[in-house]
Amino acid sequence: MAEKCAGDVGFKRPIFQPGDVMLFDELFLHSTAADPGMTETRYAMETWFFGPSAFPDQYTPLAF
């Protein structure tokens, strides 16, 4: 489905440098990519933000 929707434009793969960041929401189609040229350890931090009215009951907020 993703390939069909992308059509002739295709997919884009950003090339990140140390310190780069990408922000996206729940509608942004994404996937982790790797290739043989990636020889260094990669680190990532995932952070979720919720409005007070939509905060999941099973989590404890860090701030109100």
PDB file of N, CA and C in Angstrom:
ATOM      1  N   MET A   1       0.833  -1.164   0.000  1.00  0.00           N
ATOM      2  CA  MET A   1       0.000   0.000   0.000  1.00  0.00           C
ATOM      3  C   MET A   1       0.895   1.251   0.000  1.00  0.00           C
ATOM      4  N   ALA A   2       1.957   1.228   0.799  1.00  0.00           N
ATOM      5  CA  ALA A   2       2.843   2.397   0.851  1.00  0.00           C
ATOM      6  C   ALA A   2       3.462   2.677  -0.517  1.00  0.00           C
ATOM      7  N   GLU A   3       3.922   1.627  -1.187  1.00  0.00           N
ATOM      8  CA  GLU A   3       4.515   1.805  -2.514  1.00  0.00           C
ATOM      9  C   GLU A   3       3.495   2.355  -3.505  1.00  0.00           C
ATOM     10  N   LYS A   4       2.269   1.874  -3.413  1.00  0.00           N
ATOM     11  CA  LYS A   4       1.209   2.358  -4.297  1.00  0.00           C
ATOM     12  C   LYS A   4       0.948   3.845  -4.046  1.00  0.00           C
ATOM     13  N   CYS A   5       0.860   4.224  -2.789  1.00  0.00           N
ATOM     14  CA  CYS A   5       0.597   5.624  -2.439  1.00  0.00           C
ATOM     15  C   CYS A   5       1.759   6.534  -2.821  1.00  0.00           C
ATOM     16  N   ALA A   6       2.993   6.023  -2.728  1.00  0.00           N
ATOM     17  CA  ALA A   6       4.168   6.840  -3.053  1.00  0.00           C
ATOM     18  C   ALA A   6       4.251   7.134  -4.546  1.00  0.00           C
ATOM     19  N   GLY A   7       3.718   6.226  -5.344  1.00  0.00           N
ATOM     20  CA  GLY A   7       3.712   6.445  -6.791  1.00  0.00           C
ATOM     21  C   GLY A   7       5.094   6.680  -7.357  1.00  0.00           C
ATOM     22  N   ASP A   8       5.189   7.604  -8.318  1.00  0.00           N
ATOM     23  CA  ASP A   8       6.463   7.910  -8.973  1.00  0.00           C
ATOM     24  C   ASP A   8       7.431   8.652  -8.065  1.00  0.00           C
ATOM     25  N   VAL A   9       6.922   9.271  -7.010  1.00  0.00           N
ATOM     26  CA  VAL A   9       7.792  10.021  -6.090  1.00  0.00           C
ATOM     27  C   VAL A   9       8.702   9.072  -5.325  1.00  0.00           C
ATOM     28  N   GLY A  10       8.163   7.913  -4.934  1.00  0.00           N
ATOM     29  CA  GLY A  10       8.959   6.927  -4.200  1.00  0.00           C
ATOM     30  C   GLY A  10       9.173   7.322  -2.755  1.00  0.00           C
ATOM     31  N   PHE A  11      10.076   6.611  -2.118  1.00  0.00           N
ATOM     32  CA  PHE A  11      10.389   6.860  -0.708  1.00  0.00           C
ATOM     33  C   PHE A  11      11.636   7.704  -0.583  1.00  0.00           C
ATOM     34  N   LYS A  12      11.708   8.481   0.469  1.00  0.00           N
ATOM     35  CA  LYS A  12      12.883   9.292   0.765  1.00  0.00           C
ATOM     36  C   LYS A  12      13.511   8.787   2.052  1.00  0.00           C
ATOM     37  N   ARG A  13      14.822   8.710   2.093  1.00  0.00           N
ATOM     38  CA  ARG A  13      15.533   8.254   3.278  1.00  0.00           C
ATOM     39  C   ARG A  13      16.505   9.337   3.704  1.00  0.00           C
ATOM     40  N   PRO A  14      16.227   9.985   4.836  1.00  0.00           N
ATOM     41  CA  PRO A  14      17.128  11.048   5.287  1.00  0.00           C
ATOM     42  C   PRO A  14      18.467  10.475   5.747  1.00  0.00           C
ATOM     43  N   ILE A  15      19.510  11.227   5.540  1.00  0.00           N
ATOM     44  CA  ILE A  15      20.843  10.871   6.029  1.00  0.00           C
ATOM     45  C   ILE A  15      21.118  11.765   7.234  1.00  0.00           C
ATOM     46  N   PHE A  16      21.237  11.151   8.392  1.00  0.00           N
ATOM     47  CA  PHE A  16      21.408  11.900   9.629  1.00  0.00           C
ATOM     48  C   PHE A  16      22.879  12.051   9.995  1.00  0.00           C
ATOM     49  N   GLN A  17      23.176  13.162  10.626  1.00  0.00           N
ATOM     50  CA  GLN A  17      24.481  13.438  11.209  1.00  0.00           C
ATOM     51  C   GLN A  17      24.310  13.429  12.724  1.00  0.00           C
ATOM     52  N   PRO A  18      25.396  13.252  13.493  1.00  0.00           N
ATOM     53  CA  PRO A  18      25.271  13.290  14.957  1.00  0.00           C
ATOM     54  C   PRO A  18      24.560  14.558  15.416  1.00  0.00           C
ATOM     55  N   GLY A  19      23.581  14.390  16.272  1.00  0.00           N
ATOM     56  CA  GLY A  19      22.816  15.520  16.790  1.00  0.00           C
ATOM     57  C   GLY A  19      21.559  15.836  16.019  1.00  0.00           C
ATOM     58  N   ASP A  20      21.366  15.236  14.845  1.00  0.00           N
ATOM     59  CA  ASP A  20      20.147  15.482  14.071  1.00  0.00           C
ATOM     60  C   ASP A  20      18.946  14.862  14.777  1.00  0.00           C
ATOM     61  N   VAL A  21      17.784  15.413  14.503  1.00  0.00           N
ATOM     62  CA  VAL A  21      16.552  14.913  15.101  1.00  0.00           C
ATOM     63  C   VAL A  21      15.436  14.981  14.068  1.00  0.00           C
ATOM     64  N   MET A  22      14.479  14.078  14.199  1.00  0.00           N
ATOM     65  CA  MET A  22      13.297  14.114  13.354  1.00  0.00           C
ATOM     66  C   MET A  22      12.083  13.953  14.261  1.00  0.00           C
ATOM     67  N   LEU A  23      11.121  14.833  14.112  1.00  0.00           N
ATOM     68  CA  LEU A  23       9.879  14.762  14.876  1.00  0.00           C
ATOM     69  C   LEU A  23       8.749  14.386  13.938  1.00  0.00           C
ATOM     70  N   PHE A  24       7.901  13.463  14.378  1.00  0.00           N
ATOM     71  CA  PHE A  24       6.752  13.090  13.571  1.00  0.00           C
ATOM     72  C   PHE A  24       5.618  12.636  14.460  1.00  0.00           C
ATOM     73  N   ASP A  25       4.434  12.585  13.886  1.00  0.00           N
ATOM     74  CA  ASP A  25       3.252  12.205  14.660  1.00  0.00           C
ATOM     75  C   ASP A  25       2.789  10.803  14.283  1.00  0.00           C
ATOM     76  N   GLU A  26       1.645  10.398  14.790  1.00  0.00           N
ATOM     77  CA  GLU A  26       1.145   9.041  14.575  1.00  0.00           C
ATOM     78  C   GLU A  26       0.724   8.777  13.131  1.00  0.00           C
ATOM     79  N   LEU A  27       0.684   9.792  12.304  1.00  0.00           N
ATOM     80  CA  LEU A  27       0.284   9.626  10.905  1.00  0.00           C
ATOM     81  C   LEU A  27       1.474   9.474   9.961  1.00  0.00           C
ATOM     82  N   PHE A  28       2.685   9.642  10.480  1.00  0.00           N
ATOM     83  CA  PHE A  28       3.890   9.599   9.654  1.00  0.00           C
ATOM     84  C   PHE A  28       4.344   8.152   9.487  1.00  0.00           C
ATOM     85  N   LEU A  29       4.244   7.623   8.264  1.00  0.00           N
ATOM     86  CA  LEU A  29       4.674   6.259   7.987  1.00  0.00           C
ATOM     87  C   LEU A  29       6.197   6.209   8.037  1.00  0.00           C
ATOM     88  N   HIS A  30       6.748   5.296   8.843  1.00  0.00           N
ATOM     89  CA  HIS A  30       8.192   5.216   8.983  1.00  0.00           C
ATOM     90  C   HIS A  30       8.636   3.784   9.251  1.00  0.00           C
ATOM     91  N   SER A  31       9.905   3.555   9.015  1.00  0.00           N
ATOM     92  CA  SER A  31      10.508   2.249   9.260  1.00  0.00           C
ATOM     93  C   SER A  31      11.999   2.459   9.490  1.00  0.00           C
ATOM     94  N   THR A  32      12.588   1.647  10.336  1.00  0.00           N
ATOM     95  CA  THR A  32      14.023   1.712  10.566  1.00  0.00           C
ATOM     96  C   THR A  32      14.734   1.077   9.381  1.00  0.00           C
ATOM     97  N   ALA A  33      15.751   1.740   8.880  1.00  0.00           N
ATOM     98  CA  ALA A  33      16.508   1.217   7.742  1.00  0.00           C
ATOM     99  C   ALA A  33      17.953   0.967   8.162  1.00  0.00           C
ATOM    100  N   ALA A  34      18.589   0.027   7.531  1.00  0.00           N
ATOM    101  CA  ALA A  34      19.999  -0.268   7.784  1.00  0.00           C
ATOM    102  C   ALA A  34      20.619  -0.748   6.473  1.00  0.00           C
ATOM    103  N   ASP A  35      21.912  -0.524   6.351  1.00  0.00           N
ATOM    104  CA  ASP A  35      22.624  -1.045   5.195  1.00  0.00           C
ATOM    105  C   ASP A  35      24.046  -1.410   5.624  1.00  0.00           C
ATOM    106  N   PRO A  36      24.781  -2.132   4.807  1.00  0.00           N
ATOM    107  CA  PRO A  36      26.123  -2.593   5.186  1.00  0.00           C
ATOM    108  C   PRO A  36      27.100  -1.462   5.518  1.00  0.00           C
ATOM    109  N   GLY A  37      26.853  -0.267   4.997  1.00  0.00           N
ATOM    110  CA  GLY A  37      27.738   0.867   5.286  1.00  0.00           C
ATOM    111  C   GLY A  37      27.577   1.426   6.685  1.00  0.00           C
ATOM    112  N   MET A  38      26.560   1.006   7.402  1.00  0.00           N
ATOM    113  CA  MET A  38      26.326   1.484   8.768  1.00  0.00           C
ATOM    114  C   MET A  38      27.125   0.594   9.723  1.00  0.00           C
ATOM    115  N   THR A  39      28.329   1.028  10.045  1.00  0.00           N
ATOM    116  CA  THR A  39      29.235   0.213  10.856  1.00  0.00           C
ATOM    117  C   THR A  39      29.340   0.682  12.306  1.00  0.00           C
ATOM    118  N   GLU A  40      28.810   1.833  12.620  1.00  0.00           N
ATOM    119  CA  GLU A  40      28.900   2.374  13.976  1.00  0.00           C
ATOM    120  C   GLU A  40      27.633   2.053  14.763  1.00  0.00           C
ATOM    121  N   THR A  41      27.746   2.063  16.087  1.00  0.00           N
ATOM    122  CA  THR A  41      26.594   1.870  16.952  1.00  0.00           C
ATOM    123  C   THR A  41      25.655   3.053  16.803  1.00  0.00           C
ATOM    124  N   ARG A  42      24.373   2.761  16.686  1.00  0.00           N
ATOM    125  CA  ARG A  42      23.360   3.817  16.564  1.00  0.00           C
ATOM    126  C   ARG A  42      22.559   3.882  17.855  1.00  0.00           C
ATOM    127  N   TYR A  43      22.270   5.094  18.302  1.00  0.00           N
ATOM    128  CA  TYR A  43      21.463   5.307  19.491  1.00  0.00           C
ATOM    129  C   TYR A  43      20.223   6.111  19.121  1.00  0.00           C
ATOM    130  N   ALA A  44      19.140   5.853  19.819  1.00  0.00           N
ATOM    131  CA  ALA A  44      17.911   6.592  19.568  1.00  0.00           C
ATOM    132  C   ALA A  44      17.189   6.818  20.888  1.00  0.00           C
ATOM    133  N   MET A  45      16.425   7.871  20.940  1.00  0.00           N
ATOM    134  CA  MET A  45      15.596   8.149  22.096  1.00  0.00           C
ATOM    135  C   MET A  45      14.175   8.356  21.589  1.00  0.00           C
ATOM    136  N   GLU A  46      13.252   7.645  22.167  1.00  0.00           N
ATOM    137  CA  GLU A  46      11.851   7.763  21.784  1.00  0.00           C
ATOM    138  C   GLU A  46      11.103   8.466  22.907  1.00  0.00           C
ATOM    139  N   THR A  47      10.391   9.509  22.570  1.00  0.00           N
ATOM    140  CA  THR A  47       9.634  10.283  23.551  1.00  0.00           C
ATOM    141  C   THR A  47       8.219  10.473  23.039  1.00  0.00           C
ATOM    142  N   TRP A  48       7.259  10.223  23.907  1.00  0.00           N
ATOM    143  CA  TRP A  48       5.851  10.383  23.543  1.00  0.00           C
ATOM    144  C   TRP A  48       5.285  11.568  24.317  1.00  0.00           C
ATOM    145  N   PHE A  49       4.487  12.382  23.643  1.00  0.00           N
ATOM    146  CA  PHE A  49       3.853  13.533  24.273  1.00  0.00           C
ATOM    147  C   PHE A  49       2.337  13.382  24.161  1.00  0.00           C
ATOM    148  N   PHE A  50       1.645  13.604  25.269  1.00  0.00           N
ATOM    149  CA  PHE A  50       0.194  13.495  25.298  1.00  0.00           C
ATOM    150  C   PHE A  50      -0.398  14.742  25.937  1.00  0.00           C
ATOM    151  N   GLY A  51      -1.530  15.188  25.432  1.00  0.00           N
ATOM    152  CA  GLY A  51      -2.283  16.239  26.096  1.00  0.00           C
ATOM    153  C   GLY A  51      -2.928  15.671  27.355  1.00  0.00           C
ATOM    154  N   PRO A  52      -3.208  16.499  28.355  1.00  0.00           N
ATOM    155  CA  PRO A  52      -3.805  16.012  29.604  1.00  0.00           C
ATOM    156  C   PRO A  52      -5.080  15.198  29.390  1.00  0.00           C
ATOM    157  N   SER A  53      -5.883  15.552  28.415  1.00  0.00           N
ATOM    158  CA  SER A  53      -7.148  14.839  28.197  1.00  0.00           C
ATOM    159  C   SER A  53      -6.965  13.477  27.527  1.00  0.00           C
ATOM    160  N   ALA A  54      -5.773  13.191  27.007  1.00  0.00           N
ATOM    161  CA  ALA A  54      -5.550  11.937  26.284  1.00  0.00           C
ATOM    162  C   ALA A  54      -4.434  11.099  26.893  1.00  0.00           C
ATOM    163  N   PHE A  55      -3.980  11.444  28.095  1.00  0.00           N
ATOM    164  CA  PHE A  55      -2.859  10.724  28.689  1.00  0.00           C
ATOM    165  C   PHE A  55      -3.292   9.310  29.083  1.00  0.00           C
ATOM    166  N   PRO A  56      -2.540   8.267  28.688  1.00  0.00           N
ATOM    167  CA  PRO A  56      -2.909   6.879  28.995  1.00  0.00           C
ATOM    168  C   PRO A  56      -2.880   6.599  30.499  1.00  0.00           C
ATOM    169  N   ASP A  57      -3.897   5.922  30.985  1.00  0.00           N
ATOM    170  CA  ASP A  57      -4.010   5.630  32.416  1.00  0.00           C
ATOM    171  C   ASP A  57      -2.870   4.765  32.944  1.00  0.00           C
ATOM    172  N   GLN A  58      -2.287   3.896  32.109  1.00  0.00           N
ATOM    173  CA  GLN A  58      -1.273   2.971  32.595  1.00  0.00           C
ATOM    174  C   GLN A  58       0.113   3.590  32.762  1.00  0.00           C
ATOM    175  N   TYR A  59       0.282   4.879  32.411  1.00  0.00           N
ATOM    176  CA  TYR A  59       1.577   5.548  32.530  1.00  0.00           C
ATOM    177  C   TYR A  59       1.535   6.619  33.602  1.00  0.00           C
ATOM    178  N   THR A  60       2.703   6.943  34.135  1.00  0.00           N
ATOM    179  CA  THR A  60       2.829   8.010  35.119  1.00  0.00           C
ATOM    180  C   THR A  60       3.462   9.208  34.441  1.00  0.00           C
ATOM    181  N   PRO A  61       2.829  10.369  34.455  1.00  0.00           N
ATOM    182  CA  PRO A  61       3.406  11.547  33.790  1.00  0.00           C
ATOM    183  C   PRO A  61       4.651  12.068  34.531  1.00  0.00           C
ATOM    184  N   LEU A  62       5.589  12.625  33.792  1.00  0.00           N
ATOM    185  CA  LEU A  62       6.767  13.242  34.408  1.00  0.00           C
ATOM    186  C   LEU A  62       6.465  14.661  34.855  1.00  0.00           C
ATOM    187  N   ALA A  63       5.494  15.298  34.223  1.00  0.00           N
ATOM    188  CA  ALA A  63       5.103  16.664  34.561  1.00  0.00           C
ATOM    189  C   ALA A  63       3.614  16.828  34.272  1.00  0.00           C
ATOM    190  N   PHE A  64       2.986  17.754  34.947  1.00  0.00           N
ATOM    191  CA  PHE A  64       1.574  18.031  34.725  1.00  0.00           C
ATOM    192  C   PHE A  64       1.386  19.374  34.077  1.00  0.00           C
TER     193      PHE A  64
END
